[in-house]
Amino acid sequence: MAIRYHCRHCETEVGRLPFGSAEEVRTLHRLADGEAVDFITEEEDGEVTVQCICEHCQQSLDRFPDYYALQKWLQ
């Protein structure tokens, strides 16, 4: 089982961290409050996916702040 960090814009896998137990997944969900819970999903195979933003997409958003208004700005 692992925690997978996945860019929510370009869908690139940013990283992967191993974890040992289902209790650690529950702890992660407890630590994430409010809107952060929307970015964490648990897959059927036990992996946890955290949607984040990769460095490339962050740089694009910094250069073109109007992209924040778009739901999906990469085609």
PDB file of N, CA and C in Angstrom:
ATOM      1  N   MET A   1       0.845  -1.179   0.000  1.00  0.00           N
ATOM      2  CA  MET A   1       0.000   0.000   0.000  1.00  0.00           C
ATOM      3  C   MET A   1       0.889   1.240   0.000  1.00  0.00           C
ATOM      4  N   ALA A   2       0.340   2.312  -0.581  1.00  0.00           N
ATOM      5  CA  ALA A   2       1.132   3.530  -0.693  1.00  0.00           C
ATOM      6  C   ALA A   2       0.215   4.740  -0.730  1.00  0.00           C
ATOM      7  N   ILE A   3       0.816   5.886  -0.461  1.00  0.00           N
ATOM      8  CA  ILE A   3       0.149   7.170  -0.660  1.00  0.00           C
ATOM      9  C   ILE A   3       0.736   7.737  -1.943  1.00  0.00           C
ATOM     10  N   ARG A   4      -0.124   7.976  -2.913  1.00  0.00           N
ATOM     11  CA  ARG A   4       0.307   8.446  -4.224  1.00  0.00           C
ATOM     12  C   ARG A   4      -0.079   9.920  -4.355  1.00  0.00           C
ATOM     13  N   TYR A   5       0.899  10.747  -4.723  1.00  0.00           N
ATOM     14  CA  TYR A   5       0.648  12.165  -4.957  1.00  0.00           C
ATOM     15  C   TYR A   5       0.521  12.368  -6.462  1.00  0.00           C
ATOM     16  N   HIS A   6      -0.597  12.946  -6.873  1.00  0.00           N
ATOM     17  CA  HIS A   6      -0.985  13.008  -8.267  1.00  0.00           C
ATOM     18  C   HIS A   6      -1.397  14.438  -8.593  1.00  0.00           C
ATOM     19  N   CYS A   7      -0.812  15.038  -9.662  1.00  0.00           N
ATOM     20  CA  CYS A   7      -1.165  16.411 -10.032  1.00  0.00           C
ATOM     21  C   CYS A   7      -2.601  16.445 -10.542  1.00  0.00           C
ATOM     22  N   ARG A   8      -3.402  17.305  -9.973  1.00  0.00           N
ATOM     23  CA  ARG A   8      -4.816  17.368 -10.340  1.00  0.00           C
ATOM     24  C   ARG A   8      -5.043  18.062 -11.672  1.00  0.00           C
ATOM     25  N   HIS A   9      -4.015  18.691 -12.220  1.00  0.00           N
ATOM     26  CA  HIS A   9      -4.156  19.394 -13.497  1.00  0.00           C
ATOM     27  C   HIS A   9      -3.657  18.548 -14.668  1.00  0.00           C
ATOM     28  N   CYS A  10      -2.416  18.090 -14.611  1.00  0.00           N
ATOM     29  CA  CYS A  10      -1.836  17.348 -15.735  1.00  0.00           C
ATOM     30  C   CYS A  10      -1.854  15.839 -15.524  1.00  0.00           C
ATOM     31  N   GLU A  11      -2.286  15.395 -14.339  1.00  0.00           N
ATOM     32  CA  GLU A  11      -2.428  13.982 -13.992  1.00  0.00           C
ATOM     33  C   GLU A  11      -1.098  13.220 -13.932  1.00  0.00           C
ATOM     34  N   THR A  12      -0.006  13.947 -13.731  1.00  0.00           N
ATOM     35  CA  THR A  12       1.303  13.333 -13.558  1.00  0.00           C
ATOM     36  C   THR A  12       1.442  12.828 -12.130  1.00  0.00           C
ATOM     37  N   GLU A  13       2.061  11.658 -11.963  1.00  0.00           N
ATOM     38  CA  GLU A  13       2.337  11.177 -10.608  1.00  0.00           C
ATOM     39  C   GLU A  13       3.548  11.941 -10.087  1.00  0.00           C
ATOM     40  N   VAL A  14       3.340  12.681  -9.007  1.00  0.00           N
ATOM     41  CA  VAL A  14       4.382  13.520  -8.428  1.00  0.00           C
ATOM     42  C   VAL A  14       5.279  12.706  -7.501  1.00  0.00           C
ATOM     43  N   GLY A  15       4.712  11.758  -6.789  1.00  0.00           N
ATOM     44  CA  GLY A  15       5.491  10.947  -5.871  1.00  0.00           C
ATOM     45  C   GLY A  15       4.659   9.845  -5.259  1.00  0.00           C
ATOM     46  N   ARG A  16       5.333   8.965  -4.526  1.00  0.00           N
ATOM     47  CA  ARG A  16       4.676   7.832  -3.884  1.00  0.00           C
ATOM     48  C   ARG A  16       5.412   7.535  -2.578  1.00  0.00           C
ATOM     49  N   LEU A  17       4.645   7.407  -1.505  1.00  0.00           N
ATOM     50  CA  LEU A  17       5.209   7.077  -0.200  1.00  0.00           C
ATOM     51  C   LEU A  17       4.586   5.790   0.307  1.00  0.00           C
ATOM     52  N   PRO A  18       5.396   4.862   0.778  1.00  0.00           N
ATOM     53  CA  PRO A  18       4.819   3.648   1.359  1.00  0.00           C
ATOM     54  C   PRO A  18       4.250   3.934   2.745  1.00  0.00           C
ATOM     55  N   PHE A  19       3.225   3.191   3.122  1.00  0.00           N
ATOM     56  CA  PHE A  19       2.731   3.258   4.490  1.00  0.00           C
ATOM     57  C   PHE A  19       2.372   1.858   4.925  1.00  0.00           C
ATOM     58  N   GLY A  20       2.262   1.682   6.214  1.00  0.00           N
ATOM     59  CA  GLY A  20       2.175   0.341   6.732  1.00  0.00           C
ATOM     60  C   GLY A  20       0.809  -0.191   7.063  1.00  0.00           C
ATOM     61  N   SER A  21      -0.145   0.655   7.450  1.00  0.00           N
ATOM     62  CA  SER A  21      -1.396   0.097   7.942  1.00  0.00           C
ATOM     63  C   SER A  21      -2.585   0.961   7.575  1.00  0.00           C
ATOM     64  N   ALA A  22      -3.758   0.379   7.702  1.00  0.00           N
ATOM     65  CA  ALA A  22      -5.004   1.104   7.467  1.00  0.00           C
ATOM     66  C   ALA A  22      -5.175   2.210   8.506  1.00  0.00           C
ATOM     67  N   GLU A  23      -4.610   2.031   9.688  1.00  0.00           N
ATOM     68  CA  GLU A  23      -4.694   3.054  10.735  1.00  0.00           C
ATOM     69  C   GLU A  23      -4.001   4.340  10.285  1.00  0.00           C
ATOM     70  N   GLU A  24      -2.899   4.212   9.551  1.00  0.00           N
ATOM     71  CA  GLU A  24      -2.213   5.395   9.044  1.00  0.00           C
ATOM     72  C   GLU A  24      -3.080   6.145   8.041  1.00  0.00           C
ATOM     73  N   VAL A  25      -3.859   5.417   7.246  1.00  0.00           N
ATOM     74  CA  VAL A  25      -4.778   6.048   6.293  1.00  0.00           C
ATOM     75  C   VAL A  25      -5.855   6.808   7.051  1.00  0.00           C
ATOM     76  N   ARG A  26      -6.405   6.213   8.094  1.00  0.00           N
ATOM     77  CA  ARG A  26      -7.426   6.895   8.898  1.00  0.00           C
ATOM     78  C   ARG A  26      -6.843   8.139   9.557  1.00  0.00           C
ATOM     79  N   THR A  27      -5.597   8.067   9.993  1.00  0.00           N
ATOM     80  CA  THR A  27      -4.934   9.234  10.584  1.00  0.00           C
ATOM     81  C   THR A  27      -4.794  10.343   9.552  1.00  0.00           C
ATOM     82  N   LEU A  28      -4.439   9.982   8.320  1.00  0.00           N
ATOM     83  CA  LEU A  28      -4.325  10.971   7.261  1.00  0.00           C
ATOM     84  C   LEU A  28      -5.663  11.663   7.022  1.00  0.00           C
ATOM     85  N   HIS A  29      -6.744  10.909   7.010  1.00  0.00           N
ATOM     86  CA  HIS A  29      -8.072  11.492   6.816  1.00  0.00           C
ATOM     87  C   HIS A  29      -8.459  12.395   7.983  1.00  0.00           C
ATOM     88  N   ARG A  30      -8.084  12.022   9.202  1.00  0.00           N
ATOM     89  CA  ARG A  30      -8.394  12.872  10.360  1.00  0.00           C
ATOM     90  C   ARG A  30      -7.611  14.177  10.314  1.00  0.00           C
ATOM     91  N   LEU A  31      -6.367  14.117   9.823  1.00  0.00           N
ATOM     92  CA  LEU A  31      -5.543  15.323   9.757  1.00  0.00           C
ATOM     93  C   LEU A  31      -6.036  16.290   8.692  1.00  0.00           C
ATOM     94  N   ALA A  32      -6.618  15.749   7.639  1.00  0.00           N
ATOM     95  CA  ALA A  32      -7.136  16.591   6.556  1.00  0.00           C
ATOM     96  C   ALA A  32      -8.518  17.083   6.954  1.00  0.00           C
ATOM     97  N   ASP A  33      -8.646  18.369   7.089  1.00  0.00           N
ATOM     98  CA  ASP A  33      -9.941  18.917   7.478  1.00  0.00           C
ATOM     99  C   ASP A  33     -10.493  19.812   6.378  1.00  0.00           C
ATOM    100  N   GLY A  34     -11.764  20.068   6.416  1.00  0.00           N
ATOM    101  CA  GLY A  34     -12.400  20.985   5.479  1.00  0.00           C
ATOM    102  C   GLY A  34     -12.256  20.550   4.036  1.00  0.00           C
ATOM    103  N   GLU A  35     -11.790  21.470   3.205  1.00  0.00           N
ATOM    104  CA  GLU A  35     -11.671  21.218   1.782  1.00  0.00           C
ATOM    105  C   GLU A  35     -10.584  20.202   1.456  1.00  0.00           C
ATOM    106  N   ALA A  36      -9.611  20.022   2.311  1.00  0.00           N
ATOM    107  CA  ALA A  36      -8.526  19.088   2.039  1.00  0.00           C
ATOM    108  C   ALA A  36      -9.038  17.668   1.853  1.00  0.00           C
ATOM    109  N   VAL A  37     -10.123  17.320   2.503  1.00  0.00           N
ATOM    110  CA  VAL A  37     -10.687  15.976   2.382  1.00  0.00           C
ATOM    111  C   VAL A  37     -11.095  15.698   0.933  1.00  0.00           C
ATOM    112  N   ASP A  38     -11.482  16.729   0.192  1.00  0.00           N
ATOM    113  CA  ASP A  38     -11.866  16.557  -1.208  1.00  0.00           C
ATOM    114  C   ASP A  38     -10.697  16.119  -2.078  1.00  0.00           C
ATOM    115  N   PHE A  39      -9.479  16.306  -1.616  1.00  0.00           N
ATOM    116  CA  PHE A  39      -8.305  15.979  -2.405  1.00  0.00           C
ATOM    117  C   PHE A  39      -7.691  14.632  -2.032  1.00  0.00           C
ATOM    118  N   ILE A  40      -8.301  13.908  -1.122  1.00  0.00           N
ATOM    119  CA  ILE A  40      -7.776  12.619  -0.686  1.00  0.00           C
ATOM    120  C   ILE A  40      -8.810  11.545  -0.985  1.00  0.00           C
ATOM    121  N   THR A  41      -8.398  10.520  -1.742  1.00  0.00           N
ATOM    122  CA  THR A  41      -9.297   9.404  -2.026  1.00  0.00           C
ATOM    123  C   THR A  41      -8.587   8.091  -1.737  1.00  0.00           C
ATOM    124  N   GLU A  42      -9.355   7.137  -1.275  1.00  0.00           N
ATOM    125  CA  GLU A  42      -8.816   5.808  -1.028  1.00  0.00           C
ATOM    126  C   GLU A  42      -9.314   4.883  -2.123  1.00  0.00           C
ATOM    127  N   GLU A  43      -8.377   4.249  -2.824  1.00  0.00           N
ATOM    128  CA  GLU A  43      -8.706   3.355  -3.931  1.00  0.00           C
ATOM    129  C   GLU A  43      -9.111   1.986  -3.392  1.00  0.00           C
ATOM    130  N   GLU A  44      -9.703   1.188  -4.254  1.00  0.00           N
ATOM    131  CA  GLU A  44     -10.147  -0.150  -3.847  1.00  0.00           C
ATOM    132  C   GLU A  44      -8.984  -1.049  -3.446  1.00  0.00           C
ATOM    133  N   ASP A  45      -7.813  -0.832  -4.061  1.00  0.00           N
ATOM    134  CA  ASP A  45      -6.651  -1.673  -3.755  1.00  0.00           C
ATOM    135  C   ASP A  45      -5.924  -1.240  -2.484  1.00  0.00           C
ATOM    136  N   GLY A  46      -6.445  -0.221  -1.791  1.00  0.00           N
ATOM    137  CA  GLY A  46      -5.863   0.227  -0.537  1.00  0.00           C
ATOM    138  C   GLY A  46      -4.950   1.430  -0.674  1.00  0.00           C
ATOM    139  N   GLU A  47      -4.571   1.782  -1.893  1.00  0.00           N
ATOM    140  CA  GLU A  47      -3.740   2.963  -2.071  1.00  0.00           C
ATOM    141  C   GLU A  47      -4.553   4.223  -1.812  1.00  0.00           C
ATOM    142  N   VAL A  48      -3.865   5.235  -1.339  1.00  0.00           N
ATOM    143  CA  VAL A  48      -4.484   6.532  -1.097  1.00  0.00           C
ATOM    144  C   VAL A  48      -3.905   7.500  -2.121  1.00  0.00           C
ATOM    145  N   THR A  49      -4.779   8.245  -2.787  1.00  0.00           N
ATOM    146  CA  THR A  49      -4.339   9.231  -3.765  1.00  0.00           C
ATOM    147  C   THR A  49      -4.611  10.621  -3.215  1.00  0.00           C
ATOM    148  N   VAL A  50      -3.573  11.437  -3.195  1.00  0.00           N
ATOM    149  CA  VAL A  50      -3.685  12.826  -2.770  1.00  0.00           C
ATOM    150  C   VAL A  50      -3.495  13.684  -4.017  1.00  0.00           C
ATOM    151  N   GLN A  51      -4.518  14.456  -4.356  1.00  0.00           N
ATOM    152  CA  GLN A  51      -4.398  15.345  -5.500  1.00  0.00           C
ATOM    153  C   GLN A  51      -3.671  16.603  -5.057  1.00  0.00           C
ATOM    154  N   CYS A  52      -2.612  16.927  -5.784  1.00  0.00           N
ATOM    155  CA  CYS A  52      -1.804  18.101  -5.464  1.00  0.00           C
ATOM    156  C   CYS A  52      -1.528  18.839  -6.766  1.00  0.00           C
ATOM    157  N   ILE A  53      -0.522  19.657  -6.801  1.00  0.00           N
ATOM    158  CA  ILE A  53      -0.139  20.363  -8.023  1.00  0.00           C
ATOM    159  C   ILE A  53       1.365  20.197  -8.214  1.00  0.00           C
ATOM    160  N   CYS A  54       1.754  19.848  -9.436  1.00  0.00           N
ATOM    161  CA  CYS A  54       3.177  19.650  -9.715  1.00  0.00           C
ATOM    162  C   CYS A  54       3.853  21.004  -9.937  1.00  0.00           C
ATOM    163  N   GLU A  55       5.162  20.996  -9.938  1.00  0.00           N
ATOM    164  CA  GLU A  55       5.932  22.228 -10.067  1.00  0.00           C
ATOM    165  C   GLU A  55       5.661  22.919 -11.410  1.00  0.00           C
ATOM    166  N   HIS A  56       5.567  22.144 -12.476  1.00  0.00           N
ATOM    167  CA  HIS A  56       5.321  22.707 -13.803  1.00  0.00           C
ATOM    168  C   HIS A  56       3.971  23.432 -13.854  1.00  0.00           C
ATOM    169  N   CYS A  57       2.922  22.795 -13.356  1.00  0.00           N
ATOM    170  CA  CYS A  57       1.596  23.419 -13.355  1.00  0.00           C
ATOM    171  C   CYS A  57       1.558  24.643 -12.446  1.00  0.00           C
ATOM    172  N   GLN A  58       2.244  24.588 -11.314  1.00  0.00           N
ATOM    173  CA  GLN A  58       2.299  25.741 -10.419  1.00  0.00           C
ATOM    174  C   GLN A  58       2.965  26.927 -11.101  1.00  0.00           C
ATOM    175  N   GLN A  59       4.040  26.669 -11.838  1.00  0.00           N
ATOM    176  CA  GLN A  59       4.714  27.747 -12.569  1.00  0.00           C
ATOM    177  C   GLN A  59       3.788  28.340 -13.627  1.00  0.00           C
ATOM    178  N   SER A  60       3.016  27.486 -14.301  1.00  0.00           N
ATOM    179  CA  SER A  60       2.060  27.983 -15.305  1.00  0.00           C
ATOM    180  C   SER A  60       0.992  28.856 -14.657  1.00  0.00           C
ATOM    181  N   LEU A  61       0.489  28.426 -13.509  1.00  0.00           N
ATOM    182  CA  LEU A  61      -0.513  29.223 -12.802  1.00  0.00           C
ATOM    183  C   LEU A  61       0.066  30.546 -12.306  1.00  0.00           C
ATOM    184  N   ASP A  62       1.329  30.530 -11.918  1.00  0.00           N
ATOM    185  CA  ASP A  62       1.974  31.768 -11.481  1.00  0.00           C
ATOM    186  C   ASP A  62       2.097  32.756 -12.644  1.00  0.00           C
ATOM    187  N   ARG A  63       2.403  32.236 -13.838  1.00  0.00           N
ATOM    188  CA  ARG A  63       2.556  33.100 -15.010  1.00  0.00           C
ATOM    189  C   ARG A  63       1.213  33.556 -15.578  1.00  0.00           C
ATOM    190  N   PHE A  64       0.194  32.692 -15.473  1.00  0.00           N
ATOM    191  CA  PHE A  64      -1.118  32.992 -16.047  1.00  0.00           C
ATOM    192  C   PHE A  64      -2.197  32.819 -14.980  1.00  0.00           C
ATOM    193  N   PRO A  65      -2.355  33.770 -14.082  1.00  0.00           N
ATOM    194  CA  PRO A  65      -3.288  33.625 -12.965  1.00  0.00           C
ATOM    195  C   PRO A  65      -4.748  33.486 -13.396  1.00  0.00           C
ATOM    196  N   ASP A  66      -5.078  33.854 -14.624  1.00  0.00           N
ATOM    197  CA  ASP A  66      -6.448  33.674 -15.109  1.00  0.00           C
ATOM    198  C   ASP A  66      -6.842  32.200 -15.175  1.00  0.00           C
ATOM    199  N   TYR A  67      -5.859  31.298 -15.210  1.00  0.00           N
ATOM    200  CA  TYR A  67      -6.146  29.861 -15.260  1.00  0.00           C
ATOM    201  C   TYR A  67      -6.898  29.386 -14.018  1.00  0.00           C
ATOM    202  N   TYR A  68      -6.744  30.102 -12.905  1.00  0.00           N
ATOM    203  CA  TYR A  68      -7.437  29.709 -11.676  1.00  0.00           C
ATOM    204  C   TYR A  68      -8.948  29.685 -11.856  1.00  0.00           C
ATOM    205  N   ALA A  69      -9.458  30.500 -12.779  1.00  0.00           N
ATOM    206  CA  ALA A  69     -10.905  30.571 -13.011  1.00  0.00           C
ATOM    207  C   ALA A  69     -11.427  29.376 -13.809  1.00  0.00           C
ATOM    208  N   LEU A  70     -10.533  28.636 -14.450  1.00  0.00           N
ATOM    209  CA  LEU A  70     -10.945  27.505 -15.288  1.00  0.00           C
ATOM    210  C   LEU A  70     -10.977  26.218 -14.494  1.00  0.00           C
ATOM    211  N   GLN A  71     -11.965  25.404 -14.748  1.00  0.00           N
ATOM    212  CA  GLN A  71     -12.076  24.100 -14.067  1.00  0.00           C
ATOM    213  C   GLN A  71     -10.950  23.177 -14.511  1.00  0.00           C
ATOM    214  N   LYS A  72     -10.728  23.079 -15.812  1.00  0.00           N
ATOM    215  CA  LYS A  72      -9.647  22.240 -16.349  1.00  0.00           C
ATOM    216  C   LYS A  72      -8.977  23.050 -17.442  1.00  0.00           C
ATOM    217  N   TRP A  73      -7.767  23.500 -17.211  1.00  0.00           N
ATOM    218  CA  TRP A  73      -7.110  24.388 -18.158  1.00  0.00           C
ATOM    219  C   TRP A  73      -6.114  23.695 -19.059  1.00  0.00           C
ATOM    220  N   LEU A  74      -5.788  22.445 -18.829  1.00  0.00           N
ATOM    221  CA  LEU A  74      -4.947  21.682 -19.738  1.00  0.00           C
ATOM    222  C   LEU A  74      -5.836  20.815 -20.610  1.00  0.00           C
ATOM    223  N   GLN A  75      -5.623  20.868 -21.897  1.00  0.00           N
ATOM    224  CA  GLN A  75      -6.445  20.079 -22.830  1.00  0.00           C
ATOM    225  C   GLN A  75      -5.728  18.799 -23.212  1.00  0.00           C
TER     226      GLN A  75
END
